[in-house]
Amino acid sequence: MANAEKPKSYREMSQQLEEIMEWFESGDIDIDEAIKKYEEATKLLDEMEKYLKTAENKIKKISTAK
């Protein structure tokens, strides 16, 4: 039985993205690693966008429930 991965918090995703950006800004970049980091950053941005959209929908539901 595979363990389900705990969803990342927005803060965790943001920190990961910041680490990737700092790596790119370091100037010591390997092209193969850069491609992997770019793909990881793109995935993180997609996850963060989904997270924010879900949060927005929850807030709208709470606001309209009043």
N, C-alpha and C. Protein backbone atom coordinates (compact mmCIF):
# COMPACT_ATOMS: atom_id res chain seq x y z
N MET A 1 0.85 -1.17 0.00
CA MET A 1 0.00 0.00 0.00
C MET A 1 0.90 1.24 0.00
N ALA A 2 0.65 2.14 -0.90
CA ALA A 2 1.45 3.37 -1.03
C ALA A 2 0.94 4.43 -0.06
N ASN A 3 1.87 5.14 0.54
CA ASN A 3 1.50 6.23 1.43
C ASN A 3 1.06 7.44 0.62
N ALA A 4 -0.06 8.02 1.00
CA ALA A 4 -0.53 9.22 0.31
C ALA A 4 0.33 10.39 0.78
N GLU A 5 0.79 11.18 -0.17
CA GLU A 5 1.63 12.34 0.17
C GLU A 5 0.75 13.45 0.72
N LYS A 6 1.20 14.01 1.84
CA LYS A 6 0.46 15.11 2.47
C LYS A 6 0.52 16.33 1.55
N PRO A 7 -0.61 16.96 1.29
CA PRO A 7 -0.60 18.16 0.44
C PRO A 7 0.28 19.25 1.06
N LYS A 8 0.98 19.96 0.21
CA LYS A 8 1.85 21.04 0.67
C LYS A 8 1.01 22.27 0.99
N SER A 9 1.46 23.00 1.98
CA SER A 9 0.80 24.26 2.29
C SER A 9 1.28 25.31 1.28
N TYR A 10 0.55 26.40 1.21
CA TYR A 10 0.94 27.47 0.31
C TYR A 10 2.31 28.01 0.70
N ARG A 11 2.56 28.10 2.00
CA ARG A 11 3.85 28.59 2.49
C ARG A 11 5.00 27.67 2.04
N GLU A 12 4.78 26.36 2.12
CA GLU A 12 5.81 25.40 1.69
C GLU A 12 6.09 25.54 0.20
N MET A 13 5.03 25.66 -0.58
CA MET A 13 5.22 25.81 -2.02
C MET A 13 5.96 27.11 -2.33
N SER A 14 5.60 28.18 -1.65
CA SER A 14 6.24 29.47 -1.85
C SER A 14 7.72 29.41 -1.50
N GLN A 15 8.05 28.72 -0.41
CA GLN A 15 9.45 28.59 0.00
C GLN A 15 10.24 27.79 -1.03
N GLN A 16 9.64 26.72 -1.55
CA GLN A 16 10.31 25.92 -2.57
C GLN A 16 10.58 26.77 -3.81
N LEU A 17 9.59 27.54 -4.22
CA LEU A 17 9.74 28.39 -5.39
C LEU A 17 10.84 29.43 -5.16
N GLU A 18 10.89 29.99 -3.97
CA GLU A 18 11.92 30.97 -3.64
C GLU A 18 13.32 30.34 -3.71
N GLU A 19 13.45 29.11 -3.24
CA GLU A 19 14.74 28.41 -3.32
C GLU A 19 15.17 28.20 -4.77
N ILE A 20 14.21 27.87 -5.61
CA ILE A 20 14.52 27.68 -7.04
C ILE A 20 14.96 29.00 -7.65
N MET A 21 14.26 30.07 -7.33
CA MET A 21 14.62 31.38 -7.88
C MET A 21 16.02 31.80 -7.41
N GLU A 22 16.33 31.54 -6.15
CA GLU A 22 17.66 31.87 -5.64
C GLU A 22 18.72 31.06 -6.37
N TRP A 23 18.43 29.80 -6.67
CA TRP A 23 19.37 28.97 -7.41
C TRP A 23 19.65 29.59 -8.78
N PHE A 24 18.58 30.00 -9.48
CA PHE A 24 18.76 30.63 -10.79
C PHE A 24 19.56 31.92 -10.69
N GLU A 25 19.35 32.67 -9.64
CA GLU A 25 20.04 33.94 -9.47
C GLU A 25 21.49 33.77 -9.03
N SER A 26 21.87 32.56 -8.63
CA SER A 26 23.23 32.32 -8.15
C SER A 26 24.27 32.46 -9.26
N GLY A 27 23.84 32.26 -10.49
CA GLY A 27 24.75 32.42 -11.62
C GLY A 27 25.54 31.17 -11.97
N ASP A 28 25.62 30.20 -11.07
CA ASP A 28 26.35 28.95 -11.33
C ASP A 28 25.35 27.90 -11.78
N ILE A 29 24.96 27.97 -13.05
CA ILE A 29 23.84 27.18 -13.55
C ILE A 29 24.29 26.13 -14.55
N ASP A 30 23.87 24.90 -14.29
CA ASP A 30 24.05 23.78 -15.22
C ASP A 30 22.76 23.69 -16.05
N ILE A 31 22.88 23.60 -17.36
CA ILE A 31 21.70 23.64 -18.24
C ILE A 31 20.73 22.50 -17.96
N ASP A 32 21.25 21.30 -17.70
CA ASP A 32 20.36 20.17 -17.43
C ASP A 32 19.61 20.38 -16.12
N GLU A 33 20.32 20.86 -15.11
CA GLU A 33 19.69 21.14 -13.83
C GLU A 33 18.70 22.30 -13.97
N ALA A 34 19.04 23.28 -14.80
CA ALA A 34 18.16 24.42 -15.02
C ALA A 34 16.83 23.97 -15.62
N ILE A 35 16.87 23.03 -16.54
CA ILE A 35 15.64 22.52 -17.14
C ILE A 35 14.78 21.84 -16.08
N LYS A 36 15.41 21.03 -15.23
CA LYS A 36 14.67 20.36 -14.15
C LYS A 36 14.07 21.38 -13.19
N LYS A 37 14.85 22.38 -12.83
CA LYS A 37 14.37 23.41 -11.90
C LYS A 37 13.23 24.21 -12.52
N TYR A 38 13.32 24.50 -13.81
CA TYR A 38 12.27 25.24 -14.51
C TYR A 38 10.97 24.43 -14.50
N GLU A 39 11.08 23.13 -14.79
CA GLU A 39 9.90 22.27 -14.77
C GLU A 39 9.29 22.20 -13.37
N GLU A 40 10.14 22.12 -12.36
CA GLU A 40 9.67 22.08 -10.98
C GLU A 40 8.97 23.39 -10.61
N ALA A 41 9.55 24.51 -11.02
CA ALA A 41 8.95 25.81 -10.74
C ALA A 41 7.60 25.95 -11.43
N THR A 42 7.50 25.49 -12.65
CA THR A 42 6.24 25.55 -13.39
C THR A 42 5.16 24.74 -12.69
N LYS A 43 5.54 23.55 -12.23
CA LYS A 43 4.60 22.70 -11.50
C LYS A 43 4.16 23.37 -10.20
N LEU A 44 5.11 23.96 -9.48
CA LEU A 44 4.78 24.66 -8.24
C LEU A 44 3.82 25.82 -8.50
N LEU A 45 4.08 26.58 -9.55
CA LEU A 45 3.20 27.71 -9.87
C LEU A 45 1.78 27.23 -10.18
N ASP A 46 1.66 26.11 -10.89
CA ASP A 46 0.34 25.55 -11.17
C ASP A 46 -0.36 25.12 -9.89
N GLU A 47 0.39 24.46 -8.98
CA GLU A 47 -0.18 24.03 -7.71
C GLU A 47 -0.61 25.23 -6.87
N MET A 48 0.21 26.27 -6.87
CA MET A 48 -0.12 27.46 -6.10
C MET A 48 -1.36 28.15 -6.65
N GLU A 49 -1.48 28.19 -7.96
CA GLU A 49 -2.66 28.79 -8.59
C GLU A 49 -3.92 28.02 -8.21
N LYS A 50 -3.86 26.68 -8.24
CA LYS A 50 -5.00 25.86 -7.84
C LYS A 50 -5.35 26.09 -6.38
N TYR A 51 -4.33 26.18 -5.54
CA TYR A 51 -4.53 26.42 -4.11
C TYR A 51 -5.27 27.74 -3.89
N LEU A 52 -4.80 28.78 -4.57
CA LEU A 52 -5.44 30.09 -4.41
C LEU A 52 -6.86 30.10 -4.96
N LYS A 53 -7.09 29.40 -6.05
CA LYS A 53 -8.44 29.34 -6.63
C LYS A 53 -9.39 28.64 -5.66
N THR A 54 -8.91 27.56 -5.03
CA THR A 54 -9.72 26.85 -4.04
C THR A 54 -10.02 27.75 -2.85
N ALA A 55 -9.02 28.46 -2.38
CA ALA A 55 -9.21 29.38 -1.26
C ALA A 55 -10.21 30.47 -1.62
N GLU A 56 -10.11 31.00 -2.83
CA GLU A 56 -11.03 32.03 -3.28
C GLU A 56 -12.46 31.50 -3.29
N ASN A 57 -12.65 30.28 -3.79
CA ASN A 57 -13.99 29.69 -3.83
C ASN A 57 -14.54 29.48 -2.42
N LYS A 58 -13.70 29.06 -1.48
CA LYS A 58 -14.14 28.89 -0.10
C LYS A 58 -14.58 30.21 0.50
N ILE A 59 -13.80 31.25 0.23
CA ILE A 59 -14.14 32.58 0.75
C ILE A 59 -15.46 33.07 0.17
N LYS A 60 -15.66 32.84 -1.12
CA LYS A 60 -16.93 33.25 -1.75
C LYS A 60 -18.11 32.52 -1.12
N LYS A 61 -17.93 31.21 -0.84
CA LYS A 61 -19.01 30.46 -0.21
C LYS A 61 -19.33 31.00 1.17
N ILE A 62 -18.30 31.31 1.93
CA ILE A 62 -18.49 31.85 3.28
C ILE A 62 -19.18 33.21 3.20
N SER A 63 -18.76 34.04 2.25
CA SER A 63 -19.31 35.39 2.11
C SER A 63 -20.78 35.35 1.69
N THR A 64 -21.13 34.42 0.83
CA THR A 64 -22.51 34.38 0.35
C THR A 64 -23.43 33.64 1.34
N ALA A 65 -22.86 32.94 2.29
CA ALA A 65 -23.66 32.20 3.28
C ALA A 65 -24.23 33.13 4.34
N LYS A 66 -23.76 34.35 4.43
CA LYS A 66 -24.22 35.29 5.44
C LYS A 66 -25.61 35.76 5.18
